[in-house]
C-alpha atoms as a PDB file:
ATOM      1  CA  MET A   1     -14.760  16.922 -11.046  1.00  0.00           C
ATOM      2  CA  ARG A   2     -11.383  18.634 -11.207  1.00  0.00           C
ATOM      3  CA  ARG A   3      -8.171  16.790 -11.424  1.00  0.00           C
ATOM      4  CA  PRO A   4      -6.172  16.085  -7.981  1.00  0.00           C
ATOM      5  CA  PHE A   5      -3.807  18.650  -6.771  1.00  0.00           C
ATOM      6  CA  GLY A   6      -0.669  16.527  -7.676  1.00  0.00           C
ATOM      7  CA  GLU A   7      -1.270  15.947 -11.125  1.00  0.00           C
ATOM      8  CA  ARG A   8      -2.312  19.801 -11.511  1.00  0.00           C
ATOM      9  CA  LEU A   9       0.516  21.033  -9.915  1.00  0.00           C
ATOM     10  CA  ASP A  10       2.729  18.674 -11.786  1.00  0.00           C
ATOM     11  CA  ALA A  11       1.023  20.119 -15.346  1.00  0.00           C
ATOM     12  CA  ALA A  12       1.610  23.650 -13.868  1.00  0.00           C
ATOM     13  CA  VAL A  13       5.354  23.169 -13.163  1.00  0.00           C
ATOM     14  CA  ALA A  14       5.805  21.355 -16.268  1.00  0.00           C
ATOM     15  CA  ALA A  15       4.415  24.338 -18.288  1.00  0.00           C
ATOM     16  CA  ARG A  16       5.398  26.988 -16.483  1.00  0.00           C
ATOM     17  CA  GLY A  17       8.521  25.997 -14.132  1.00  0.00           C
ATOM     18  CA  PRO A  18       8.945  25.044 -10.850  1.00  0.00           C
ATOM     19  CA  LEU A  19       8.817  28.098  -8.950  1.00  0.00           C
ATOM     20  CA  CYS A  20       6.200  29.778  -6.553  1.00  0.00           C
ATOM     21  CA  VAL A  21       5.874  33.407  -5.505  1.00  0.00           C
ATOM     22  CA  GLY A  22       4.781  34.021  -2.119  1.00  0.00           C
ATOM     23  CA  ILE A  23       2.439  36.983  -1.775  1.00  0.00           C
ATOM     24  CA  ASP A  24       3.663  38.322   1.462  1.00  0.00           C
ATOM     25  CA  PRO A  25       2.415  42.397   2.180  1.00  0.00           C
ATOM     26  CA  HIS A  26       3.956  42.838   5.342  1.00  0.00           C
ATOM     27  CA  PRO A  27       4.142  46.795   6.450  1.00  0.00           C
ATOM     28  CA  GLY A  28       7.623  47.134   5.274  1.00  0.00           C
ATOM     29  CA  LEU A  29       6.975  46.049   1.814  1.00  0.00           C
ATOM     30  CA  LEU A  30       3.968  48.415   1.455  1.00  0.00           C
ATOM     31  CA  ALA A  31       5.661  51.463   2.930  1.00  0.00           C
ATOM     32  CA  ASP A  32       8.700  50.386  -0.017  1.00  0.00           C
ATOM     33  CA  TRP A  33       5.908  50.383  -2.693  1.00  0.00           C
ATOM     34  CA  GLY A  34       5.067  53.843  -1.353  1.00  0.00           C
ATOM     35  CA  LEU A  35       1.711  52.353  -0.289  1.00  0.00           C
ATOM     36  CA  MET A  36      -0.107  52.886   3.242  1.00  0.00           C
ATOM     37  CA  ASP A  37      -0.327  50.277   5.470  1.00  0.00           C
ATOM     38  CA  ASP A  38      -4.309  49.441   5.182  1.00  0.00           C
ATOM     39  CA  ALA A  39      -6.472  47.848   3.543  1.00  0.00           C
ATOM     40  CA  ARG A  40      -6.585  49.935   0.459  1.00  0.00           C
ATOM     41  CA  GLY A  41      -2.692  49.797   0.559  1.00  0.00           C
ATOM     42  CA  LEU A  42      -3.032  46.120   0.580  1.00  0.00           C
ATOM     43  CA  GLU A  43      -5.548  45.728  -2.477  1.00  0.00           C
ATOM     44  CA  THR A  44      -3.170  47.747  -4.798  1.00  0.00           C
ATOM     45  CA  PHE A  45       0.039  45.677  -3.334  1.00  0.00           C
ATOM     46  CA  ALA A  46      -1.526  41.811  -3.972  1.00  0.00           C
ATOM     47  CA  LEU A  47      -3.798  42.689  -6.950  1.00  0.00           C
ATOM     48  CA  ALA A  48      -0.814  44.225  -8.679  1.00  0.00           C
ATOM     49  CA  VAL A  49       1.452  40.674  -7.856  1.00  0.00           C
ATOM     50  CA  VAL A  50      -1.598  38.782  -9.277  1.00  0.00           C
ATOM     51  CA  ASP A  51      -1.889  40.890 -12.673  1.00  0.00           C
ATOM     52  CA  ALA A  52       1.826  40.414 -13.197  1.00  0.00           C
ATOM     53  CA  LEU A  53       2.455  37.444 -12.212  1.00  0.00           C
ATOM     54  CA  ALA A  54      -0.615  35.231 -12.263  1.00  0.00           C
ATOM     55  CA  ASP A  55       0.044  34.258 -16.017  1.00  0.00           C
ATOM     56  CA  ARG A  56       2.967  32.865 -15.698  1.00  0.00           C
ATOM     57  CA  VAL A  57       4.344  31.329 -12.821  1.00  0.00           C
ATOM     58  CA  ALA A  58       3.106  28.251 -11.553  1.00  0.00           C
ATOM     59  CA  VAL A  59       2.075  28.752  -7.853  1.00  0.00           C
ATOM     60  CA  LEU A  60       1.023  31.557  -5.987  1.00  0.00           C
ATOM     61  CA  LYS A  61       1.466  31.726  -2.203  1.00  0.00           C
ATOM     62  CA  PRO A  62      -0.674  34.585  -0.473  1.00  0.00           C
ATOM     63  CA  GLN A  63       0.225  34.425   3.411  1.00  0.00           C
ATOM     64  CA  ALA A  64      -3.130  34.875   4.944  1.00  0.00           C
ATOM     65  CA  ALA A  65      -2.016  36.711   8.294  1.00  0.00           C
ATOM     66  CA  PHE A  66      -1.018  39.584   6.201  1.00  0.00           C
ATOM     67  CA  PHE A  67      -4.420  39.924   5.392  1.00  0.00           C
ATOM     68  CA  GLU A  68      -6.290  38.953   7.802  1.00  0.00           C
ATOM     69  CA  ARG A  69      -4.239  41.986   9.707  1.00  0.00           C
ATOM     70  CA  HIS A  70      -6.439  43.978   8.183  1.00  0.00           C
ATOM     71  CA  GLY A  71      -9.972  42.804   8.849  1.00  0.00           C
ATOM     72  CA  SER A  72     -12.905  42.209   7.001  1.00  0.00           C
ATOM     73  CA  ARG A  73     -11.696  44.097   4.261  1.00  0.00           C
ATOM     74  CA  GLY A  74      -8.304  42.283   4.241  1.00  0.00           C
ATOM     75  CA  VAL A  75     -10.441  38.837   3.583  1.00  0.00           C
ATOM     76  CA  ALA A  76     -11.831  39.899   0.773  1.00  0.00           C
ATOM     77  CA  VAL A  77      -8.695  41.374  -0.477  1.00  0.00           C
ATOM     78  CA  LEU A  78      -7.783  37.653   0.025  1.00  0.00           C
ATOM     79  CA  GLU A  79     -10.943  36.320  -1.598  1.00  0.00           C
ATOM     80  CA  ARG A  80     -10.138  38.368  -4.642  1.00  0.00           C
ATOM     81  CA  VAL A  81      -6.409  37.241  -4.869  1.00  0.00           C
ATOM     82  CA  LEU A  82      -7.455  33.588  -5.205  1.00  0.00           C
ATOM     83  CA  ALA A  83     -10.302  34.357  -7.643  1.00  0.00           C
ATOM     84  CA  GLU A  84      -7.966  36.500  -9.952  1.00  0.00           C
ATOM     85  CA  ALA A  85      -4.943  33.852  -9.330  1.00  0.00           C
ATOM     86  CA  ALA A  86      -7.107  31.121 -10.537  1.00  0.00           C
ATOM     87  CA  ASP A  87      -8.529  32.812 -13.204  1.00  0.00           C
ATOM     88  CA  ALA A  88      -5.578  33.622 -14.765  1.00  0.00           C
ATOM     89  CA  GLY A  89      -4.065  30.259 -14.563  1.00  0.00           C
ATOM     90  CA  ALA A  90      -1.652  29.760 -11.507  1.00  0.00           C
ATOM     91  CA  LEU A  91      -2.318  27.722  -8.479  1.00  0.00           C
ATOM     92  CA  THR A  92      -2.606  28.711  -5.639  1.00  0.00           C
ATOM     93  CA  ILE A  93      -1.676  27.958  -1.981  1.00  0.00           C
ATOM     94  CA  ALA A  94      -3.596  29.264   1.195  1.00  0.00           C
ATOM     95  CA  ASP A  95      -0.120  30.128   3.461  1.00  0.00           C
ATOM     96  CA  ALA A  96      -2.558  29.545   6.859  1.00  0.00           C
ATOM     97  CA  LYS A  97      -0.620  27.086   9.019  1.00  0.00           C
ATOM     98  CA  ARG A  98      -3.878  25.897  10.291  1.00  0.00           C
ATOM     99  CA  GLY A  99      -3.622  23.516  13.198  1.00  0.00           C
ATOM    100  CA  ASP A 100      -6.882  22.264  15.488  1.00  0.00           C
ATOM    101  CA  ILE A 101      -9.075  19.593  16.549  1.00  0.00           C
ATOM    102  CA  GLY A 102     -12.500  17.636  15.717  1.00  0.00           C
ATOM    103  CA  SER A 103     -15.375  20.377  14.495  1.00  0.00           C
ATOM    104  CA  THR A 104     -12.561  23.215  14.535  1.00  0.00           C
ATOM    105  CA  MET A 105     -10.266  22.101  11.825  1.00  0.00           C
ATOM    106  CA  ALA A 106     -13.242  20.604   9.990  1.00  0.00           C
ATOM    107  CA  ALA A 107     -14.166  24.364   9.744  1.00  0.00           C
ATOM    108  CA  TYR A 108     -10.584  25.144   8.530  1.00  0.00           C
ATOM    109  CA  ALA A 109     -11.185  22.340   5.928  1.00  0.00           C
ATOM    110  CA  ASP A 110     -14.287  24.103   4.871  1.00  0.00           C
ATOM    111  CA  ALA A 111     -12.746  27.467   4.384  1.00  0.00           C
ATOM    112  CA  PHE A 112      -9.986  26.727   2.716  1.00  0.00           C
ATOM    113  CA  LEU A 113     -10.538  23.672   0.454  1.00  0.00           C
ATOM    114  CA  GLY A 114     -14.378  23.487   0.835  1.00  0.00           C
ATOM    115  CA  GLU A 115     -16.341  23.461  -3.107  1.00  0.00           C
ATOM    116  CA  GLY A 116     -17.790  27.455  -2.990  1.00  0.00           C
ATOM    117  CA  SER A 117     -15.786  28.946  -0.471  1.00  0.00           C
ATOM    118  CA  PRO A 118     -14.640  31.961  -1.409  1.00  0.00           C
ATOM    119  CA  LEU A 119     -11.323  31.449   0.519  1.00  0.00           C
ATOM    120  CA  ALA A 120     -10.777  28.135  -1.472  1.00  0.00           C
ATOM    121  CA  ALA A 121      -7.127  27.708  -2.712  1.00  0.00           C
ATOM    122  CA  ASP A 122      -5.840  24.819  -4.467  1.00  0.00           C
ATOM    123  CA  ALA A 123      -3.846  23.993  -1.403  1.00  0.00           C
ATOM    124  CA  VAL A 124      -2.944  24.687   2.349  1.00  0.00           C
ATOM    125  CA  THR A 125      -0.661  24.901   4.550  1.00  0.00           C
ATOM    126  CA  VAL A 126      -1.171  23.064   7.921  1.00  0.00           C
ATOM    127  CA  SER A 127       0.445  22.917  11.401  1.00  0.00           C
ATOM    128  CA  PRO A 128       0.528  18.988  12.554  1.00  0.00           C
ATOM    129  CA  PHE A 129       1.601  19.598  15.593  1.00  0.00           C
ATOM    130  CA  LEU A 130      -1.382  18.814  17.297  1.00  0.00           C
ATOM    131  CA  GLY A 131      -0.519  15.533  16.474  1.00  0.00           C
ATOM    132  CA  PHE A 132      -0.833  14.267  12.681  1.00  0.00           C
ATOM    133  CA  GLY A 133      -4.386  12.644  13.384  1.00  0.00           C
ATOM    134  CA  SER A 134      -5.529  16.144  13.857  1.00  0.00           C
ATOM    135  CA  LEU A 135      -5.355  16.747   9.878  1.00  0.00           C
ATOM    136  CA  ALA A 136      -7.906  14.141   9.251  1.00  0.00           C
ATOM    137  CA  PRO A 137     -10.565  16.377   8.287  1.00  0.00           C
ATOM    138  CA  VAL A 138      -8.358  18.580   5.941  1.00  0.00           C
ATOM    139  CA  LEU A 139      -6.857  15.591   3.890  1.00  0.00           C
ATOM    140  CA  GLN A 140     -10.572  14.109   3.410  1.00  0.00           C
ATOM    141  CA  ARG A 141     -11.733  17.546   2.319  1.00  0.00           C
ATOM    142  CA  ALA A 142      -8.809  17.657  -0.118  1.00  0.00           C
ATOM    143  CA  ARG A 143      -9.634  14.265  -1.615  1.00  0.00           C
ATOM    144  CA  ALA A 144     -13.373  15.145  -1.830  1.00  0.00           C
ATOM    145  CA  THR A 145     -12.467  18.532  -3.876  1.00  0.00           C
ATOM    146  CA  GLY A 146      -9.484  17.174  -5.589  1.00  0.00           C
ATOM    147  CA  ARG A 147      -7.316  19.744  -3.347  1.00  0.00           C
ATOM    148  CA  GLY A 148      -4.205  19.648  -1.610  1.00  0.00           C
ATOM    149  CA  ALA A 149      -2.303  20.320   1.768  1.00  0.00           C
ATOM    150  CA  PHE A 150       1.434  20.672   2.714  1.00  0.00           C
ATOM    151  CA  VAL A 151       2.229  19.458   6.187  1.00  0.00           C
ATOM    152  CA  LEU A 152       4.852  21.624   8.089  1.00  0.00           C
ATOM    153  CA  ALA A 153       7.877  19.238   8.768  1.00  0.00           C
ATOM    154  CA  LEU A 154      11.352  20.694   8.728  1.00  0.00           C
ATOM    155  CA  THR A 155      11.214  24.252   8.812  1.00  0.00           C
ATOM    156  CA  SER A 156      13.812  26.630   9.075  1.00  0.00           C
ATOM    157  CA  ASN A 157      13.306  28.824  11.680  1.00  0.00           C
ATOM    158  CA  PRO A 158      15.864  28.076  15.157  1.00  0.00           C
ATOM    159  CA  GLU A 159      12.611  27.083  16.824  1.00  0.00           C
ATOM    160  CA  GLY A 160      11.680  24.608  15.121  1.00  0.00           C
ATOM    161  CA  ALA A 161      14.409  22.053  15.854  1.00  0.00           C
ATOM    162  CA  GLN A 162      12.658  22.157  19.642  1.00  0.00           C
ATOM    163  CA  VAL A 163      10.137  19.738  18.653  1.00  0.00           C
ATOM    164  CA  GLN A 164      10.636  18.485  14.811  1.00  0.00           C
ATOM    165  CA  HIS A 165      14.159  17.099  16.345  1.00  0.00           C
ATOM    166  CA  ALA A 166      12.828  15.547  18.694  1.00  0.00           C
ATOM    167  CA  ILE A 167      12.632  11.751  18.686  1.00  0.00           C
ATOM    168  CA  THR A 168       9.601   9.766  18.973  1.00  0.00           C
ATOM    169  CA  ALA A 169       8.881   6.648  20.990  1.00  0.00           C
ATOM    170  CA  ALA A 170       9.264   4.766  17.949  1.00  0.00           C
ATOM    171  CA  GLY A 171      12.895   5.852  17.635  1.00  0.00           C
ATOM    172  CA  THR A 172      12.602   8.330  14.578  1.00  0.00           C
ATOM    173  CA  THR A 173      12.556  12.583  14.941  1.00  0.00           C
ATOM    174  CA  VAL A 174       9.406  14.182  14.858  1.00  0.00           C
ATOM    175  CA  ALA A 175      10.295  15.464  11.198  1.00  0.00           C
ATOM    176  CA  GLN A 176      10.578  12.107   9.667  1.00  0.00           C
ATOM    177  CA  ALA A 177       7.248  10.741  11.215  1.00  0.00           C
ATOM    178  CA  LEU A 178       5.593  13.167   9.945  1.00  0.00           C
ATOM    179  CA  LEU A 179       6.992  12.473   6.701  1.00  0.00           C
ATOM    180  CA  ASP A 180       6.140   9.040   6.563  1.00  0.00           C
ATOM    181  CA  ALA A 181       2.799   9.958   7.673  1.00  0.00           C
ATOM    182  CA  VAL A 182       2.444  12.109   4.169  1.00  0.00           C
ATOM    183  CA  ARG A 183       3.932   9.631   2.207  1.00  0.00           C
ATOM    184  CA  ALA A 184       1.534   6.893   3.670  1.00  0.00           C
ATOM    185  CA  GLU A 185      -1.502   8.969   2.711  1.00  0.00           C
ATOM    186  CA  ASN A 186      -0.081   9.288  -1.010  1.00  0.00           C
ATOM    187  CA  VAL A 187       0.395   6.071  -1.210  1.00  0.00           C
ATOM    188  CA  ALA A 188      -2.928   5.227  -0.077  1.00  0.00           C
ATOM    189  CA  ASP A 189      -4.275   7.346  -3.129  1.00  0.00           C
ATOM    190  CA  GLY A 190      -1.907   5.596  -5.382  1.00  0.00           C
ATOM    191  CA  ALA A 191       0.632   7.835  -5.453  1.00  0.00           C
ATOM    192  CA  ALA A 192       4.793   6.047  -5.895  1.00  0.00           C
ATOM    193  CA  SER A 193       8.306   7.025  -6.216  1.00  0.00           C
ATOM    194  CA  GLY A 194       9.315   8.232  -9.140  1.00  0.00           C
ATOM    195  CA  ALA A 195       5.249   8.994 -10.333  1.00  0.00           C
ATOM    196  CA  PRO A 196       3.584  11.682 -11.002  1.00  0.00           C
ATOM    197  CA  SER A 197       3.078  13.484  -7.483  1.00  0.00           C
ATOM    198  CA  GLY A 198       0.570  13.124  -4.693  1.00  0.00           C
ATOM    199  CA  SER A 199      -1.634  15.628  -3.484  1.00  0.00           C
ATOM    200  CA  PHE A 200      -0.251  15.493  -0.165  1.00  0.00           C
ATOM    201  CA  GLY A 201       3.108  17.519   0.422  1.00  0.00           C
ATOM    202  CA  VAL A 202       5.566  19.112   3.093  1.00  0.00           C
ATOM    203  CA  VAL A 203       7.095  22.232   3.997  1.00  0.00           C
ATOM    204  CA  VAL A 204      10.763  21.754   4.455  1.00  0.00           C
ATOM    205  CA  GLY A 205      13.030  24.855   4.649  1.00  0.00           C
ATOM    206  CA  ALA A 206      15.718  25.147   1.745  1.00  0.00           C
ATOM    207  CA  THR A 207      18.168  26.831   4.319  1.00  0.00           C
ATOM    208  CA  VAL A 208      17.613  23.705   6.859  1.00  0.00           C
ATOM    209  CA  GLY A 209      21.299  22.477   5.642  1.00  0.00           C
ATOM    210  CA  ASP A 210      22.038  18.796   5.724  1.00  0.00           C
ATOM    211  CA  VAL A 211      19.012  16.643   6.939  1.00  0.00           C
ATOM    212  CA  THR A 212      20.470  13.528   6.963  1.00  0.00           C
ATOM    213  CA  ALA A 213      20.615  12.738  10.951  1.00  0.00           C
ATOM    214  CA  VAL A 214      17.344  14.204  10.849  1.00  0.00           C
ATOM    215  CA  ALA A 215      15.294  13.316   8.322  1.00  0.00           C
ATOM    216  CA  PRO A 216      17.105  10.585   6.156  1.00  0.00           C
ATOM    217  CA  HIS A 217      13.558   9.776   4.019  1.00  0.00           C
ATOM    218  CA  LEU A 218      12.535  13.126   2.222  1.00  0.00           C
ATOM    219  CA  ASP A 219      10.386  11.134  -0.336  1.00  0.00           C
ATOM    220  CA  VAL A 220       6.946  11.385   0.500  1.00  0.00           C
ATOM    221  CA  ALA A 221       5.724  10.591  -3.236  1.00  0.00           C
ATOM    222  CA  GLY A 222       4.280  14.310  -3.374  1.00  0.00           C
ATOM    223  CA  PRO A 223       5.218  17.791  -3.841  1.00  0.00           C
ATOM    224  CA  VAL A 224       7.841  19.368  -1.154  1.00  0.00           C
ATOM    225  CA  LEU A 225       7.520  23.408  -0.792  1.00  0.00           C
ATOM    226  CA  ALA A 226      10.914  24.576  -0.140  1.00  0.00           C
ATOM    227  CA  PRO A 227      10.469  28.357   0.908  1.00  0.00           C
ATOM    228  CA  GLY A 228      13.914  30.209   2.271  1.00  0.00           C
ATOM    229  CA  LEU A 229      15.369  31.319  -1.332  1.00  0.00           C
ATOM    230  CA  GLY A 230      16.624  35.068  -1.854  1.00  0.00           C
ATOM    231  CA  ALA A 231      15.906  37.276   0.546  1.00  0.00           C
ATOM    232  CA  GLN A 232      16.032  34.274   3.432  1.00  0.00           C
ATOM    233  CA  GLY A 233      19.666  33.470   2.252  1.00  0.00           C
ATOM    234  CA  GLY A 234      18.504  30.016   0.206  1.00  0.00           C
ATOM    235  CA  SER A 235      20.157  29.181  -2.862  1.00  0.00           C
ATOM    236  CA  ALA A 236      19.567  27.167  -5.493  1.00  0.00           C
ATOM    237  CA  GLN A 237      22.941  25.087  -4.638  1.00  0.00           C
ATOM    238  CA  ASP A 238      21.025  24.911  -1.447  1.00  0.00           C
ATOM    239  CA  LEU A 239      18.219  22.770  -3.017  1.00  0.00           C
ATOM    240  CA  GLU A 240      20.436  20.504  -4.920  1.00  0.00           C
ATOM    241  CA  ARG A 241      22.256  19.922  -1.424  1.00  0.00           C
ATOM    242  CA  VAL A 242      19.263  19.652   1.052  1.00  0.00           C
ATOM    243  CA  PHE A 243      17.258  17.618  -1.585  1.00  0.00           C
ATOM    244  CA  GLY A 244      19.096  15.672  -3.872  1.00  0.00           C
ATOM    245  CA  PRO A 245      16.932  12.548  -4.685  1.00  0.00           C
ATOM    246  CA  VAL A 246      13.859  14.366  -4.625  1.00  0.00           C
ATOM    247  CA  LEU A 247      14.382  17.093  -6.203  1.00  0.00           C
ATOM    248  CA  ARG A 248      12.004  16.576  -8.706  1.00  0.00           C
ATOM    249  CA  HIS A 249       9.360  17.307  -6.578  1.00  0.00           C
ATOM    250  CA  VAL A 250      10.442  20.046  -4.947  1.00  0.00           C
ATOM    251  CA  LEU A 251       8.719  23.441  -5.932  1.00  0.00           C
ATOM    252  CA  PRO A 252      10.951  26.417  -4.290  1.00  0.00           C
ATOM    253  CA  SER A 253       9.074  29.279  -2.975  1.00  0.00           C
ATOM    254  CA  VAL A 254      10.235  33.007  -3.326  1.00  0.00           C
ATOM    255  CA  SER A 255       8.419  36.340  -1.458  1.00  0.00           C
ATOM    256  CA  ARG A 256      10.998  39.081  -0.994  1.00  0.00           C
ATOM    257  CA  GLU A 257      13.158  38.067  -4.012  1.00  0.00           C
ATOM    258  CA  VAL A 258      10.452  39.003  -6.271  1.00  0.00           C
ATOM    259  CA  LEU A 259       8.149  41.083  -4.314  1.00  0.00           C
ATOM    260  CA  ARG A 260      10.667  44.131  -3.165  1.00  0.00           C
ATOM    261  CA  ALA A 261      10.748  44.607  -7.409  1.00  0.00           C
ATOM    262  CA  GLY A 262       8.142  47.103  -7.097  1.00  0.00           C
ATOM    263  CA  SER A 263       9.567  49.364  -4.327  1.00  0.00           C
ATOM    264  CA  GLY A 264      10.536  53.257  -5.724  1.00  0.00           C
ATOM    265  CA  LEU A 265       8.067  52.708  -8.840  1.00  0.00           C
ATOM    266  CA  PRO A 266       5.837  55.454  -8.978  1.00  0.00           C
ATOM    267  CA  SER A 267       2.006  54.467  -8.504  1.00  0.00           C
ATOM    268  CA  ALA A 268       1.129  55.967 -11.670  1.00  0.00           C
ATOM    269  CA  ASP A 269       3.139  53.538 -13.498  1.00  0.00           C
ATOM    270  CA  PRO A 270       1.909  50.259 -13.131  1.00  0.00           C
ATOM    271  CA  ALA A 271       3.253  48.587 -16.570  1.00  0.00           C
ATOM    272  CA  GLY A 272       6.663  49.720 -15.282  1.00  0.00           C
ATOM    273  CA  ARG A 273       5.586  47.444 -11.737  1.00  0.00           C
ATOM    274  CA  ARG A 274       4.018  44.835 -13.620  1.00  0.00           C
ATOM    275  CA  ARG A 275       7.431  44.941 -15.618  1.00  0.00           C
ATOM    276  CA  ALA A 276       9.682  44.807 -12.804  1.00  0.00           C
ATOM    277  CA  LEU A 277       7.509  41.999 -10.919  1.00  0.00           C
ATOM    278  CA  ARG A 278       8.012  39.794 -14.286  1.00  0.00           C
ATOM    279  CA  THR A 279      11.592  40.121 -14.764  1.00  0.00           C
ATOM    280  CA  ALA A 280      12.387  39.280 -10.882  1.00  0.00           C
ATOM    281  CA  ALA A 281      10.272  36.342 -10.870  1.00  0.00           C
ATOM    282  CA  GLU A 282      12.153  34.895 -14.631  1.00  0.00           C
ATOM    283  CA  GLU A 283      15.513  35.771 -12.695  1.00  0.00           C
ATOM    284  CA  ALA A 284      14.085  33.572  -9.820  1.00  0.00           C
ATOM    285  CA  LEU A 285      12.865  31.012 -12.088  1.00  0.00           C
ATOM    286  CA  ALA A 286      15.948  31.545 -14.397  1.00  0.00           C
ATOM    287  CA  GLY A 287      18.315  30.967 -11.141  1.00  0.00           C
ATOM    288  CA  VAL A 288      16.790  27.444  -9.973  1.00  0.00           C
ATOM    289  CA  ARG A 289      16.048  26.416 -13.328  1.00  0.00           C
ATOM    290  CA  PRO A 290      19.896  24.809 -13.308  1.00  0.00           C
ATOM    291  CA  VAL A 291      19.414  22.660 -10.701  1.00  0.00           C
ATOM    292  CA  PHE A 292      16.159  20.552 -12.322  1.00  0.00           C
ATOM    293  CA  ASP A 293      17.774  20.076 -15.727  1.00  0.00           C
ATOM    294  CA  GLY A 294      18.087  16.104 -16.177  1.00  0.00           C
ATOM    295  CA  ARG A 295      14.981  15.916 -13.460  1.00  0.00           C
ATOM    296  CA  SER A 296      11.717  16.717 -15.623  1.00  0.00           C
ATOM    297  CA  HIS A 297       9.010  17.154 -13.587  1.00  0.00           C
ATOM    298  CA  GLN A 298       6.554  14.525 -15.152  1.00  0.00           C
ATOM    299  CA  VAL A 299       3.083  15.309 -15.972  1.00  0.00           C
END
C-alpha cells in the first residue's frame, strides 16, 4: 500500500519545492497557443504541460471541467494527463470540486480516488456545502487508498462570502467550522501541529486578505492549497500575510502565470515550448521560495 498522501506531499515539496501548477486549458489559452478549441488542441496543450513540468514540479492540478467540456475524448485526455504525470513523478490533484450525497458521492470517490480507476489522482478537490458529513465517502476512500482530499473552505471569489462567512449555530463562521472539521479528521489519523501533514487539506485563496475575523484558526494539521497567485493578483507576500504560522503547510498554486509561457510559439517547436514552460515554473517557484525560508517542510 502506498504511503498516505500527506506524507507523500511533504516529500514531494521537500524534493521539488512548494509549487502546484494548474492545467487549465480554457479556450483563450488554447487560442493563445495557436490551437483549436477541440479535443486535439486540448491534448496537445495538456500533454505539453505534463511533458515540460511533471518531472520537476511537486504537484500538477488539472481542472476537470476543461477536459469534460470536450466529451469522452476530453476525459480520455484527462486520464492520460493523470497517468503520465504520475509516471514522471509529479503528484496530481484532480480539481473537480465534487459535492453530493450518499451513493453519488461514493461514485465520485471511486472515480477520482478508487484503486484502478483511470481518473484516479493523488487527491481531489471537493465541495462541502451539502454538509461536511456528505464528504464521508471521499474521506473513507482516500484513507483506504492512501490518497487525499482538499475541501473548499475560504475562496476568494466575491460570491463565496455569502456562505463561507455565515455564522453557524455554534457561533463560528462556516469557513471556520469546515477548517475545524478537516483538522479533526487529520488528528483522528494521528496528525498534529508541527508534524508531517495529514492527508486532508483545505482550499483557501491566496487573495482572501485578512482572515482573522472569518477564520482565526487556519491550522488543519494538513495541507492548505492556495490558488490565486500570479494572473489572479496574488503575491508571495500575500502568502505570508494570509497564512502566517501555518505557512509551512501551504501549497501555492499557479496556472496562467506559467501556462501563458507557451503562447505565441510555433507548434513545430515543442522543445522551445518546453523550455518556456519550465522557465516560467522555475520563476514562479523562485518567487515564492523566500517566504518559505526558515519554515522547512518536514518529510
